[in-house]
Amino acid sequence: MAKIELLGAVLLTVMLLPFSSTALTQDFCVADMNGGDTPTGYICRAPATVTSGDFSYHGLARPGTLIRPFNVSLASAFVGQFPAVNGLGISATRVDLLPGGVVPLHTHPAGSELLFVLEGSLSAGFISAESNSVYIQTVNKGDLFVFPQGLLHFQYNVGNTTAVALAAYSSSNPGLQIVDYALFRNRLPTAVVNKVTFISEAEVTRLKALFAGSG
C-alpha cells in the first residue's frame, strides 16, 4: 500500500509539472534576452542585476505603428518587449482601431485573451473549434470580452471615432497567427490556395499582391 501511495504521489507531481511556473518557485524571473527562448521560457537574469525599472514598461502609452490595410495599431508588452513578465503567465497589447479598422481573424496558440474597451465601440467575436459556432457581441467603453485560447477571433470598429482597447493574455508570449498572412503573405502557390480554399485564382493573386506574398 505504501508503495502504491508513493507511486501515486510521484505521478501526481509529474502531472503537475507542465502547469508549474517560474513564479511559483521564486519571486520573479526577469528574462535574460541574450539567453534565447526555450520551451519553458527565457532563463532568468541574476537578481542582483535587476532594478525597479525592469518592472515598469512605457510602450503602451501611445499607439503602435499603423498596420495597413487593417487600419489598426498594436503596441504589445510580451516578454520580448517587457522581460519582467517572463514566467508570470501575463502580457498585454494596446489596440487602436481607426473608424472601420479591423483586427483580422487570428489565433493566439498559447494563451487566452481578455479584451477591455477603453474608448469607442467594437464588434468582437470568435469561432468555436468543435462546432464552428460564432459568438459575436458589440462591446462599448468599459466592457470586457474574452477569447478562449487557440480559437479564431476578431474585432472591428463599429463607431465613427478611433476605438482603443487593452488586451490582456494568460501567457507572457501567447503567440500570434493571422489568417490573411498565413494564406497570402508567403510563397504558397496560388493554385494550392485556390485548391484548399475554393477562392478563385484571380482573387488569390490580388490578395497576394495586397499582402506582399508570392507564388
N, C-alpha and C. Protein backbone atom coordinates (compact mmCIF):
# COMPACT_ATOMS: atom_id res chain seq x y z
N MET A 1 0.83 -1.20 0.00
CA MET A 1 0.00 0.00 0.00
C MET A 1 0.86 1.26 0.00
N ALA A 2 1.95 1.23 0.83
CA ALA A 2 2.84 2.38 0.90
C ALA A 2 3.47 2.65 -0.45
N LYS A 3 3.85 1.57 -1.17
CA LYS A 3 4.47 1.73 -2.49
C LYS A 3 3.48 2.35 -3.47
N ILE A 4 2.22 1.93 -3.39
CA ILE A 4 1.19 2.47 -4.28
C ILE A 4 0.98 3.95 -4.01
N GLU A 5 0.94 4.33 -2.71
CA GLU A 5 0.76 5.74 -2.36
C GLU A 5 1.95 6.57 -2.84
N LEU A 6 3.16 6.00 -2.70
CA LEU A 6 4.36 6.71 -3.15
C LEU A 6 4.32 6.90 -4.66
N LEU A 7 3.93 5.83 -5.38
CA LEU A 7 3.84 5.92 -6.84
C LEU A 7 2.81 6.96 -7.24
N GLY A 8 1.68 6.99 -6.53
CA GLY A 8 0.65 7.98 -6.83
C GLY A 8 1.15 9.39 -6.63
N ALA A 9 1.92 9.60 -5.56
CA ALA A 9 2.46 10.93 -5.29
C ALA A 9 3.43 11.35 -6.38
N VAL A 10 4.26 10.41 -6.83
CA VAL A 10 5.22 10.70 -7.89
C VAL A 10 4.50 11.05 -9.19
N LEU A 11 3.48 10.25 -9.53
CA LEU A 11 2.73 10.50 -10.76
C LEU A 11 2.03 11.86 -10.70
N LEU A 12 1.46 12.20 -9.54
CA LEU A 12 0.79 13.49 -9.40
C LEU A 12 1.77 14.63 -9.59
N THR A 13 2.96 14.47 -9.02
CA THR A 13 3.98 15.51 -9.18
C THR A 13 4.35 15.69 -10.63
N VAL A 14 4.54 14.57 -11.34
CA VAL A 14 4.90 14.63 -12.76
C VAL A 14 3.79 15.29 -13.57
N MET A 15 2.53 14.96 -13.25
CA MET A 15 1.41 15.53 -13.97
C MET A 15 1.31 17.03 -13.76
N LEU A 16 1.70 17.51 -12.59
CA LEU A 16 1.59 18.93 -12.29
C LEU A 16 2.74 19.75 -12.83
N LEU A 17 3.83 19.10 -13.19
CA LEU A 17 5.00 19.84 -13.67
C LEU A 17 4.70 20.75 -14.84
N PRO A 18 3.94 20.29 -15.87
CA PRO A 18 3.69 21.19 -17.01
C PRO A 18 2.93 22.45 -16.63
N PHE A 19 2.24 22.43 -15.49
CA PHE A 19 1.44 23.59 -15.09
C PHE A 19 2.17 24.49 -14.11
N SER A 20 3.40 24.10 -13.77
CA SER A 20 4.16 24.91 -12.84
C SER A 20 4.71 26.12 -13.54
N SER A 21 5.05 27.15 -12.78
CA SER A 21 5.57 28.40 -13.33
C SER A 21 6.80 28.80 -12.55
N THR A 22 7.69 29.50 -13.24
CA THR A 22 8.86 30.02 -12.55
C THR A 22 8.44 30.85 -11.35
N ALA A 23 7.32 31.57 -11.51
CA ALA A 23 6.86 32.45 -10.44
C ALA A 23 6.48 31.67 -9.18
N LEU A 24 6.23 30.35 -9.29
CA LEU A 24 5.86 29.56 -8.14
C LEU A 24 7.07 29.14 -7.33
N THR A 25 8.25 29.17 -7.90
CA THR A 25 9.45 28.70 -7.23
C THR A 25 10.39 29.82 -6.82
N GLN A 26 10.18 31.02 -7.33
CA GLN A 26 10.97 32.18 -6.94
C GLN A 26 10.13 33.42 -7.15
N ASP A 27 10.59 34.54 -6.60
CA ASP A 27 9.78 35.76 -6.64
C ASP A 27 9.51 36.23 -8.06
N PHE A 28 10.51 36.20 -8.92
CA PHE A 28 10.36 36.68 -10.29
C PHE A 28 11.48 36.10 -11.14
N CYS A 29 11.32 36.25 -12.44
CA CYS A 29 12.32 35.74 -13.39
C CYS A 29 12.38 36.70 -14.57
N VAL A 30 13.01 37.84 -14.37
CA VAL A 30 13.17 38.79 -15.47
C VAL A 30 14.01 38.13 -16.55
N ALA A 31 13.48 38.09 -17.76
CA ALA A 31 14.12 37.32 -18.83
C ALA A 31 15.49 37.86 -19.21
N ASP A 32 16.41 36.93 -19.41
CA ASP A 32 17.71 37.27 -19.99
C ASP A 32 17.55 37.12 -21.50
N MET A 33 17.35 38.22 -22.19
CA MET A 33 17.06 38.18 -23.62
C MET A 33 18.25 37.72 -24.45
N ASN A 34 19.42 37.66 -23.85
CA ASN A 34 20.59 37.17 -24.57
C ASN A 34 20.70 35.65 -24.50
N GLY A 35 19.88 35.05 -23.63
CA GLY A 35 19.97 33.61 -23.44
C GLY A 35 19.13 32.79 -24.40
N GLY A 36 18.23 33.43 -25.14
CA GLY A 36 17.39 32.69 -26.07
C GLY A 36 16.18 32.08 -25.40
N ASP A 37 15.11 31.93 -26.17
CA ASP A 37 13.87 31.35 -25.67
C ASP A 37 13.98 29.84 -25.61
N THR A 38 13.25 29.22 -24.70
CA THR A 38 13.20 27.77 -24.56
C THR A 38 11.73 27.36 -24.41
N PRO A 39 11.42 26.06 -24.49
CA PRO A 39 10.03 25.64 -24.30
C PRO A 39 9.44 26.06 -22.97
N THR A 40 10.27 26.32 -21.97
CA THR A 40 9.76 26.74 -20.66
C THR A 40 9.99 28.22 -20.41
N GLY A 41 10.37 28.96 -21.45
CA GLY A 41 10.58 30.39 -21.30
C GLY A 41 12.05 30.76 -21.32
N TYR A 42 12.31 32.02 -21.12
CA TYR A 42 13.69 32.51 -21.09
C TYR A 42 14.33 32.20 -19.73
N ILE A 43 15.65 32.08 -19.73
CA ILE A 43 16.35 31.93 -18.46
C ILE A 43 16.29 33.25 -17.71
N CYS A 44 16.51 33.19 -16.41
CA CYS A 44 16.38 34.37 -15.57
C CYS A 44 17.69 35.16 -15.51
N ARG A 45 17.54 36.46 -15.46
CA ARG A 45 18.69 37.29 -15.15
C ARG A 45 19.03 37.14 -13.67
N ALA A 46 20.28 37.32 -13.35
CA ALA A 46 20.69 37.27 -11.94
C ALA A 46 19.95 38.37 -11.17
N PRO A 47 19.32 38.03 -10.04
CA PRO A 47 18.56 39.03 -9.28
C PRO A 47 19.37 40.28 -8.95
N ALA A 48 20.66 40.14 -8.78
CA ALA A 48 21.49 41.29 -8.43
C ALA A 48 21.55 42.32 -9.55
N THR A 49 21.22 41.90 -10.78
CA THR A 49 21.27 42.83 -11.92
C THR A 49 19.92 43.47 -12.20
N VAL A 50 18.87 43.06 -11.48
CA VAL A 50 17.51 43.55 -11.72
C VAL A 50 17.28 44.82 -10.90
N THR A 51 16.65 45.81 -11.53
CA THR A 51 16.33 47.06 -10.85
C THR A 51 14.83 47.32 -10.89
N SER A 52 14.39 48.32 -10.17
CA SER A 52 12.96 48.68 -10.16
C SER A 52 12.46 49.01 -11.56
N GLY A 53 13.31 49.62 -12.36
CA GLY A 53 12.91 49.99 -13.71
C GLY A 53 12.57 48.82 -14.59
N ASP A 54 13.08 47.63 -14.26
CA ASP A 54 12.76 46.44 -15.06
C ASP A 54 11.30 46.05 -14.94
N PHE A 55 10.62 46.50 -13.90
CA PHE A 55 9.24 46.09 -13.66
C PHE A 55 8.22 47.11 -14.17
N SER A 56 8.68 48.12 -14.87
CA SER A 56 7.77 49.08 -15.50
C SER A 56 8.04 49.12 -16.99
N TYR A 57 7.01 49.46 -17.75
CA TYR A 57 7.11 49.48 -19.21
C TYR A 57 6.23 50.60 -19.73
N HIS A 58 6.77 51.41 -20.62
CA HIS A 58 6.05 52.59 -21.09
C HIS A 58 5.58 52.46 -22.55
N GLY A 59 5.72 51.27 -23.11
CA GLY A 59 5.43 51.08 -24.53
C GLY A 59 3.97 51.14 -24.92
N LEU A 60 3.07 51.13 -23.93
CA LEU A 60 1.64 51.20 -24.25
C LEU A 60 1.08 52.61 -24.05
N ALA A 61 1.95 53.56 -23.78
CA ALA A 61 1.49 54.93 -23.53
C ALA A 61 0.98 55.60 -24.79
N ARG A 62 1.39 55.09 -25.95
CA ARG A 62 0.95 55.67 -27.22
C ARG A 62 0.68 54.54 -28.21
N PRO A 63 -0.08 54.81 -29.27
CA PRO A 63 -0.38 53.75 -30.25
C PRO A 63 0.88 53.22 -30.92
N GLY A 64 0.79 51.97 -31.36
CA GLY A 64 1.87 51.38 -32.13
C GLY A 64 1.82 51.86 -33.57
N THR A 65 2.65 51.27 -34.41
CA THR A 65 2.69 51.62 -35.83
C THR A 65 1.40 51.17 -36.51
N LEU A 66 0.84 52.03 -37.36
CA LEU A 66 -0.39 51.70 -38.07
C LEU A 66 -0.13 50.56 -39.06
N ILE A 67 -0.98 49.55 -39.02
CA ILE A 67 -0.86 48.39 -39.91
C ILE A 67 -1.94 48.49 -40.98
N ARG A 68 -1.51 48.65 -42.21
CA ARG A 68 -2.45 48.69 -43.33
C ARG A 68 -2.46 47.33 -44.02
N PRO A 69 -3.59 46.94 -44.63
CA PRO A 69 -4.81 47.71 -44.87
C PRO A 69 -5.82 47.63 -43.72
N PHE A 70 -5.41 47.10 -42.57
CA PHE A 70 -6.36 46.86 -41.49
C PHE A 70 -6.71 48.12 -40.70
N ASN A 71 -5.87 49.16 -40.83
CA ASN A 71 -6.10 50.41 -40.09
C ASN A 71 -6.20 50.18 -38.59
N VAL A 72 -5.25 49.40 -38.09
CA VAL A 72 -5.15 49.12 -36.67
C VAL A 72 -3.71 49.32 -36.23
N SER A 73 -3.55 49.79 -35.01
CA SER A 73 -2.22 49.93 -34.41
C SER A 73 -2.14 49.01 -33.20
N LEU A 74 -1.03 48.28 -33.09
CA LEU A 74 -0.83 47.36 -31.98
C LEU A 74 0.48 47.71 -31.28
N ALA A 75 0.41 47.88 -29.97
CA ALA A 75 1.61 48.08 -29.16
C ALA A 75 1.59 47.00 -28.07
N SER A 76 2.54 46.09 -28.12
CA SER A 76 2.49 44.91 -27.25
C SER A 76 3.50 44.97 -26.11
N ALA A 77 3.15 44.29 -25.04
CA ALA A 77 4.04 44.11 -23.89
C ALA A 77 4.15 42.62 -23.63
N PHE A 78 4.69 41.90 -24.61
CA PHE A 78 5.00 40.49 -24.44
C PHE A 78 6.39 40.39 -23.81
N VAL A 79 6.84 39.18 -23.55
CA VAL A 79 8.14 39.02 -22.91
C VAL A 79 9.26 39.63 -23.74
N GLY A 80 9.10 39.64 -25.06
CA GLY A 80 10.13 40.22 -25.91
C GLY A 80 10.29 41.71 -25.73
N GLN A 81 9.20 42.39 -25.36
CA GLN A 81 9.25 43.83 -25.14
C GLN A 81 9.38 44.17 -23.64
N PHE A 82 8.83 43.31 -22.80
CA PHE A 82 8.76 43.57 -21.36
C PHE A 82 9.24 42.32 -20.62
N PRO A 83 10.55 42.14 -20.50
CA PRO A 83 11.12 40.90 -19.97
C PRO A 83 10.64 40.53 -18.57
N ALA A 84 10.12 41.49 -17.81
CA ALA A 84 9.69 41.19 -16.44
C ALA A 84 8.50 40.24 -16.38
N VAL A 85 7.72 40.11 -17.47
CA VAL A 85 6.55 39.22 -17.43
C VAL A 85 6.95 37.76 -17.64
N ASN A 86 8.21 37.49 -17.91
CA ASN A 86 8.67 36.13 -18.11
C ASN A 86 8.29 35.24 -16.93
N GLY A 87 7.62 34.12 -17.21
CA GLY A 87 7.25 33.18 -16.17
C GLY A 87 6.02 33.53 -15.37
N LEU A 88 5.44 34.70 -15.60
CA LEU A 88 4.30 35.14 -14.80
C LEU A 88 2.95 34.79 -15.43
N GLY A 89 2.94 34.37 -16.68
CA GLY A 89 1.69 33.99 -17.33
C GLY A 89 0.79 35.16 -17.66
N ILE A 90 1.37 36.34 -17.90
CA ILE A 90 0.59 37.52 -18.26
C ILE A 90 1.33 38.33 -19.31
N SER A 91 0.59 39.10 -20.08
CA SER A 91 1.14 40.08 -21.03
C SER A 91 -0.03 40.92 -21.52
N ALA A 92 0.26 41.91 -22.36
CA ALA A 92 -0.80 42.83 -22.78
C ALA A 92 -0.48 43.46 -24.12
N THR A 93 -1.53 43.95 -24.78
CA THR A 93 -1.39 44.70 -26.03
C THR A 93 -2.37 45.87 -26.02
N ARG A 94 -1.89 47.03 -26.44
CA ARG A 94 -2.78 48.16 -26.69
C ARG A 94 -3.25 48.08 -28.13
N VAL A 95 -4.57 48.21 -28.33
CA VAL A 95 -5.17 48.10 -29.66
C VAL A 95 -5.87 49.42 -29.99
N ASP A 96 -5.46 50.07 -31.07
CA ASP A 96 -6.11 51.30 -31.55
C ASP A 96 -6.66 51.04 -32.94
N LEU A 97 -7.96 51.21 -33.11
CA LEU A 97 -8.60 50.97 -34.40
C LEU A 97 -9.22 52.26 -34.93
N LEU A 98 -8.80 52.67 -36.11
CA LEU A 98 -9.43 53.81 -36.77
C LEU A 98 -10.87 53.44 -37.14
N PRO A 99 -11.74 54.42 -37.43
CA PRO A 99 -13.09 54.07 -37.90
C PRO A 99 -13.01 53.08 -39.07
N GLY A 100 -13.72 51.99 -38.95
CA GLY A 100 -13.66 50.94 -39.96
C GLY A 100 -12.48 50.01 -39.82
N GLY A 101 -11.60 50.27 -38.86
CA GLY A 101 -10.42 49.43 -38.66
C GLY A 101 -10.79 48.05 -38.14
N VAL A 102 -9.91 47.09 -38.39
CA VAL A 102 -10.20 45.70 -38.05
C VAL A 102 -8.96 44.99 -37.54
N VAL A 103 -9.15 44.15 -36.54
CA VAL A 103 -8.15 43.16 -36.17
C VAL A 103 -8.62 41.87 -36.84
N PRO A 104 -7.95 41.44 -37.91
CA PRO A 104 -8.46 40.34 -38.72
C PRO A 104 -8.46 39.01 -37.97
N LEU A 105 -9.10 38.02 -38.56
CA LEU A 105 -9.13 36.69 -37.97
C LEU A 105 -7.72 36.23 -37.63
N HIS A 106 -7.54 35.81 -36.38
CA HIS A 106 -6.22 35.36 -35.93
C HIS A 106 -6.40 34.45 -34.72
N THR A 107 -5.31 33.83 -34.32
CA THR A 107 -5.32 32.99 -33.13
C THR A 107 -4.11 33.31 -32.26
N HIS A 108 -4.26 33.00 -30.97
CA HIS A 108 -3.13 33.01 -30.04
C HIS A 108 -2.99 31.57 -29.54
N PRO A 109 -2.07 30.80 -30.10
CA PRO A 109 -1.97 29.38 -29.76
C PRO A 109 -1.65 29.11 -28.29
N ALA A 110 -1.01 30.06 -27.62
CA ALA A 110 -0.51 29.77 -26.27
C ALA A 110 -1.18 30.56 -25.16
N GLY A 111 -2.31 31.22 -25.46
CA GLY A 111 -2.93 31.99 -24.39
C GLY A 111 -4.34 32.44 -24.70
N SER A 112 -5.16 32.57 -23.66
CA SER A 112 -6.48 33.18 -23.79
C SER A 112 -6.32 34.70 -23.74
N GLU A 113 -7.34 35.42 -24.20
CA GLU A 113 -7.28 36.88 -24.27
C GLU A 113 -8.50 37.49 -23.61
N LEU A 114 -8.28 38.53 -22.82
CA LEU A 114 -9.36 39.30 -22.21
C LEU A 114 -9.26 40.72 -22.74
N LEU A 115 -10.30 41.17 -23.45
CA LEU A 115 -10.31 42.48 -24.10
C LEU A 115 -11.12 43.46 -23.27
N PHE A 116 -10.51 44.61 -22.95
CA PHE A 116 -11.18 45.67 -22.18
C PHE A 116 -11.22 46.92 -23.05
N VAL A 117 -12.42 47.40 -23.34
CA VAL A 117 -12.59 48.57 -24.21
C VAL A 117 -12.41 49.85 -23.40
N LEU A 118 -11.46 50.68 -23.84
CA LEU A 118 -11.18 51.94 -23.17
C LEU A 118 -11.93 53.11 -23.79
N GLU A 119 -12.06 53.09 -25.12
CA GLU A 119 -12.75 54.14 -25.84
C GLU A 119 -13.46 53.55 -27.05
N GLY A 120 -14.65 54.07 -27.37
CA GLY A 120 -15.35 53.66 -28.58
C GLY A 120 -16.13 52.37 -28.44
N SER A 121 -16.48 51.80 -29.60
CA SER A 121 -17.28 50.58 -29.65
C SER A 121 -16.67 49.61 -30.66
N LEU A 122 -16.66 48.34 -30.29
CA LEU A 122 -16.10 47.30 -31.14
C LEU A 122 -17.10 46.17 -31.30
N SER A 123 -17.02 45.50 -32.44
CA SER A 123 -17.68 44.21 -32.60
C SER A 123 -16.59 43.17 -32.39
N ALA A 124 -16.78 42.29 -31.43
CA ALA A 124 -15.78 41.27 -31.09
C ALA A 124 -16.42 39.90 -31.19
N GLY A 125 -15.67 38.94 -31.68
CA GLY A 125 -16.23 37.61 -31.80
C GLY A 125 -15.19 36.54 -31.99
N PHE A 126 -15.61 35.29 -31.77
CA PHE A 126 -14.74 34.14 -32.01
C PHE A 126 -15.55 32.98 -32.54
N ILE A 127 -14.85 32.00 -33.09
CA ILE A 127 -15.47 30.81 -33.69
C ILE A 127 -14.99 29.59 -32.92
N SER A 128 -15.93 28.79 -32.45
CA SER A 128 -15.56 27.60 -31.67
C SER A 128 -14.94 26.55 -32.58
N ALA A 129 -14.11 25.70 -31.99
CA ALA A 129 -13.44 24.66 -32.76
C ALA A 129 -14.32 23.44 -32.95
N GLU A 130 -15.14 23.11 -31.96
CA GLU A 130 -15.90 21.87 -32.00
C GLU A 130 -17.07 21.93 -32.98
N SER A 131 -17.78 23.06 -33.01
CA SER A 131 -18.99 23.15 -33.83
C SER A 131 -18.98 24.29 -34.82
N ASN A 132 -17.87 25.06 -34.86
CA ASN A 132 -17.79 26.26 -35.71
C ASN A 132 -18.91 27.25 -35.40
N SER A 133 -19.36 27.25 -34.15
CA SER A 133 -20.36 28.23 -33.73
C SER A 133 -19.69 29.60 -33.60
N VAL A 134 -20.45 30.65 -33.93
CA VAL A 134 -19.93 32.01 -33.88
C VAL A 134 -20.51 32.74 -32.68
N TYR A 135 -19.64 33.36 -31.89
CA TYR A 135 -20.06 34.14 -30.74
C TYR A 135 -19.58 35.57 -30.97
N ILE A 136 -20.51 36.49 -31.19
CA ILE A 136 -20.16 37.85 -31.56
C ILE A 136 -20.98 38.84 -30.74
N GLN A 137 -20.35 39.93 -30.33
CA GLN A 137 -21.01 40.88 -29.44
C GLN A 137 -20.44 42.28 -29.67
N THR A 138 -21.30 43.29 -29.62
CA THR A 138 -20.82 44.67 -29.62
C THR A 138 -20.41 45.03 -28.20
N VAL A 139 -19.19 45.51 -28.05
CA VAL A 139 -18.69 45.89 -26.72
C VAL A 139 -18.33 47.37 -26.74
N ASN A 140 -18.73 48.06 -25.69
CA ASN A 140 -18.54 49.51 -25.59
C ASN A 140 -17.56 49.85 -24.48
N LYS A 141 -17.28 51.12 -24.33
CA LYS A 141 -16.35 51.59 -23.31
C LYS A 141 -16.70 50.99 -21.94
N GLY A 142 -15.72 50.37 -21.32
CA GLY A 142 -15.92 49.75 -20.02
C GLY A 142 -16.29 48.29 -20.07
N ASP A 143 -16.57 47.76 -21.27
CA ASP A 143 -16.98 46.36 -21.40
C ASP A 143 -15.76 45.44 -21.56
N LEU A 144 -15.98 44.17 -21.20
CA LEU A 144 -14.99 43.11 -21.38
C LEU A 144 -15.50 42.07 -22.36
N PHE A 145 -14.58 41.42 -23.06
CA PHE A 145 -14.92 40.27 -23.90
C PHE A 145 -13.75 39.31 -23.83
N VAL A 146 -14.04 38.02 -23.71
CA VAL A 146 -12.98 37.03 -23.57
C VAL A 146 -12.91 36.13 -24.81
N PHE A 147 -11.68 35.83 -25.23
CA PHE A 147 -11.44 34.93 -26.36
C PHE A 147 -10.69 33.70 -25.83
N PRO A 148 -11.30 32.51 -25.87
CA PRO A 148 -10.61 31.32 -25.38
C PRO A 148 -9.35 31.00 -26.18
N GLN A 149 -8.42 30.38 -25.53
CA GLN A 149 -7.11 30.08 -26.12
C GLN A 149 -7.23 29.29 -27.42
N GLY A 150 -6.49 29.73 -28.42
CA GLY A 150 -6.34 28.99 -29.66
C GLY A 150 -7.47 29.14 -30.66
N LEU A 151 -8.57 29.82 -30.31
CA LEU A 151 -9.70 29.92 -31.22
C LEU A 151 -9.57 31.14 -32.13
N LEU A 152 -10.05 31.00 -33.36
CA LEU A 152 -10.07 32.12 -34.30
C LEU A 152 -10.96 33.23 -33.75
N HIS A 153 -10.45 34.47 -33.78
CA HIS A 153 -11.25 35.58 -33.28
C HIS A 153 -10.88 36.87 -34.00
N PHE A 154 -11.66 37.91 -33.75
CA PHE A 154 -11.51 39.16 -34.48
C PHE A 154 -12.14 40.30 -33.69
N GLN A 155 -11.82 41.52 -34.09
CA GLN A 155 -12.51 42.72 -33.61
C GLN A 155 -12.54 43.72 -34.76
N TYR A 156 -13.57 44.56 -34.80
CA TYR A 156 -13.56 45.68 -35.74
C TYR A 156 -14.34 46.85 -35.14
N ASN A 157 -13.94 48.04 -35.56
CA ASN A 157 -14.52 49.27 -35.03
C ASN A 157 -15.87 49.52 -35.69
N VAL A 158 -16.91 49.65 -34.88
CA VAL A 158 -18.25 49.90 -35.42
C VAL A 158 -18.68 51.35 -35.22
N GLY A 159 -17.78 52.17 -34.68
CA GLY A 159 -18.12 53.56 -34.43
C GLY A 159 -17.51 54.52 -35.43
N ASN A 160 -17.70 55.80 -35.18
CA ASN A 160 -17.19 56.85 -36.07
C ASN A 160 -15.93 57.52 -35.54
N THR A 161 -15.44 57.04 -34.41
CA THR A 161 -14.22 57.58 -33.82
C THR A 161 -13.24 56.44 -33.58
N THR A 162 -12.00 56.79 -33.30
CA THR A 162 -11.00 55.76 -33.01
C THR A 162 -11.38 55.00 -31.75
N ALA A 163 -11.33 53.69 -31.82
CA ALA A 163 -11.60 52.84 -30.66
C ALA A 163 -10.26 52.38 -30.07
N VAL A 164 -10.21 52.34 -28.75
CA VAL A 164 -8.99 51.93 -28.05
C VAL A 164 -9.36 50.83 -27.07
N ALA A 165 -8.55 49.77 -27.04
CA ALA A 165 -8.80 48.67 -26.11
C ALA A 165 -7.47 48.15 -25.57
N LEU A 166 -7.56 47.49 -24.44
CA LEU A 166 -6.40 46.82 -23.86
C LEU A 166 -6.69 45.33 -23.84
N ALA A 167 -5.80 44.55 -24.46
CA ALA A 167 -5.94 43.09 -24.46
C ALA A 167 -4.94 42.50 -23.49
N ALA A 168 -5.42 41.69 -22.55
CA ALA A 168 -4.56 41.00 -21.60
C ALA A 168 -4.56 39.52 -21.93
N TYR A 169 -3.42 38.86 -21.74
CA TYR A 169 -3.26 37.46 -22.13
C TYR A 169 -2.82 36.61 -20.95
N SER A 170 -3.15 35.33 -21.02
CA SER A 170 -2.80 34.39 -19.95
C SER A 170 -1.44 33.74 -20.19
N SER A 171 -0.59 34.43 -20.93
CA SER A 171 0.75 33.92 -21.23
C SER A 171 1.67 35.11 -21.44
N SER A 172 2.95 34.95 -21.10
CA SER A 172 3.90 36.03 -21.37
C SER A 172 4.27 36.09 -22.84
N ASN A 173 3.92 35.05 -23.59
CA ASN A 173 4.16 35.01 -25.03
C ASN A 173 3.07 34.18 -25.68
N PRO A 174 1.87 34.77 -25.89
CA PRO A 174 0.72 33.99 -26.36
C PRO A 174 0.80 33.52 -27.79
N GLY A 175 1.74 34.06 -28.56
CA GLY A 175 1.83 33.69 -29.98
C GLY A 175 0.76 34.39 -30.79
N LEU A 176 0.97 34.44 -32.09
CA LEU A 176 0.01 35.11 -32.98
C LEU A 176 0.12 34.54 -34.38
N GLN A 177 -1.01 34.12 -34.94
CA GLN A 177 -1.07 33.75 -36.36
C GLN A 177 -2.28 34.42 -36.98
N ILE A 178 -2.03 35.26 -37.98
CA ILE A 178 -3.08 35.98 -38.69
C ILE A 178 -3.45 35.21 -39.95
N VAL A 179 -4.72 34.90 -40.12
CA VAL A 179 -5.16 34.05 -41.22
C VAL A 179 -4.80 34.65 -42.57
N ASP A 180 -5.03 35.95 -42.76
CA ASP A 180 -4.71 36.58 -44.04
C ASP A 180 -3.23 36.43 -44.38
N TYR A 181 -2.37 36.61 -43.40
CA TYR A 181 -0.94 36.46 -43.64
C TYR A 181 -0.58 35.00 -43.91
N ALA A 182 -1.22 34.09 -43.18
CA ALA A 182 -0.92 32.67 -43.35
C ALA A 182 -1.25 32.19 -44.76
N LEU A 183 -2.29 32.76 -45.36
CA LEU A 183 -2.71 32.33 -46.69
C LEU A 183 -2.05 33.12 -47.82
N PHE A 184 -1.84 34.42 -47.59
CA PHE A 184 -1.48 35.28 -48.72
C PHE A 184 -0.14 36.01 -48.58
N ARG A 185 0.51 35.91 -47.42
CA ARG A 185 1.77 36.63 -47.24
C ARG A 185 2.93 35.63 -47.16
N ASN A 186 2.97 34.76 -48.13
CA ASN A 186 4.04 33.76 -48.18
C ASN A 186 4.20 33.27 -49.61
N ARG A 187 4.89 32.15 -49.77
CA ARG A 187 5.15 31.62 -51.11
C ARG A 187 4.26 30.42 -51.45
N LEU A 188 3.22 30.19 -50.69
CA LEU A 188 2.30 29.10 -51.01
C LEU A 188 1.70 29.35 -52.39
N PRO A 189 1.87 28.40 -53.32
CA PRO A 189 1.42 28.64 -54.70
C PRO A 189 -0.06 29.00 -54.78
N THR A 190 -0.36 29.92 -55.68
CA THR A 190 -1.74 30.37 -55.89
C THR A 190 -2.67 29.20 -56.17
N ALA A 191 -2.21 28.25 -56.97
CA ALA A 191 -3.05 27.10 -57.32
C ALA A 191 -3.39 26.27 -56.09
N VAL A 192 -2.45 26.18 -55.15
CA VAL A 192 -2.70 25.42 -53.92
C VAL A 192 -3.71 26.15 -53.04
N VAL A 193 -3.55 27.46 -52.90
CA VAL A 193 -4.51 28.24 -52.11
C VAL A 193 -5.91 28.10 -52.71
N ASN A 194 -6.00 28.19 -54.03
CA ASN A 194 -7.28 28.01 -54.72
C ASN A 194 -7.87 26.64 -54.44
N LYS A 195 -7.02 25.63 -54.46
CA LYS A 195 -7.49 24.25 -54.29
C LYS A 195 -8.03 24.01 -52.88
N VAL A 196 -7.35 24.55 -51.88
CA VAL A 196 -7.72 24.23 -50.50
C VAL A 196 -8.73 25.21 -49.90
N THR A 197 -8.96 26.35 -50.56
CA THR A 197 -9.90 27.34 -50.02
C THR A 197 -11.10 27.61 -50.92
N PHE A 198 -11.02 27.18 -52.21
CA PHE A 198 -12.05 27.46 -53.21
C PHE A 198 -12.14 28.94 -53.55
N ILE A 199 -11.13 29.73 -53.15
CA ILE A 199 -11.04 31.12 -53.58
C ILE A 199 -10.44 31.15 -54.98
N SER A 200 -11.03 31.93 -55.88
CA SER A 200 -10.57 31.94 -57.26
C SER A 200 -9.10 32.35 -57.34
N GLU A 201 -8.41 31.85 -58.36
CA GLU A 201 -7.00 32.18 -58.52
C GLU A 201 -6.81 33.67 -58.73
N ALA A 202 -7.75 34.32 -59.41
CA ALA A 202 -7.65 35.76 -59.62
C ALA A 202 -7.70 36.50 -58.28
N GLU A 203 -8.59 36.07 -57.40
CA GLU A 203 -8.69 36.72 -56.10
C GLU A 203 -7.47 36.41 -55.23
N VAL A 204 -6.98 35.19 -55.31
CA VAL A 204 -5.77 34.84 -54.56
C VAL A 204 -4.60 35.71 -55.02
N THR A 205 -4.48 35.89 -56.32
CA THR A 205 -3.41 36.73 -56.87
C THR A 205 -3.54 38.16 -56.36
N ARG A 206 -4.77 38.67 -56.33
CA ARG A 206 -5.00 40.03 -55.83
C ARG A 206 -4.60 40.15 -54.37
N LEU A 207 -4.99 39.16 -53.57
CA LEU A 207 -4.69 39.22 -52.14
C LEU A 207 -3.20 39.02 -51.87
N LYS A 208 -2.54 38.18 -52.66
CA LYS A 208 -1.09 38.04 -52.51
C LYS A 208 -0.38 39.36 -52.81
N ALA A 209 -0.86 40.07 -53.80
CA ALA A 209 -0.27 41.38 -54.11
C ALA A 209 -0.52 42.36 -52.97
N LEU A 210 -1.71 42.30 -52.37
CA LEU A 210 -2.06 43.21 -51.28
C LEU A 210 -1.20 42.95 -50.05
N PHE A 211 -0.93 41.67 -49.77
CA PHE A 211 -0.20 41.31 -48.55
C PHE A 211 1.27 40.97 -48.81
N ALA A 212 1.76 41.31 -50.00
CA ALA A 212 3.18 41.12 -50.33
C ALA A 212 3.60 39.65 -50.34
N GLY A 213 2.68 38.79 -50.79
CA GLY A 213 3.02 37.39 -50.95
C GLY A 213 3.54 37.11 -52.34
N SER A 214 3.85 35.86 -52.62
CA SER A 214 4.32 35.46 -53.94
C SER A 214 3.81 34.06 -54.23
N GLY A 215 4.15 33.56 -55.42
CA GLY A 215 3.73 32.20 -55.78
C GLY A 215 2.44 32.16 -56.55
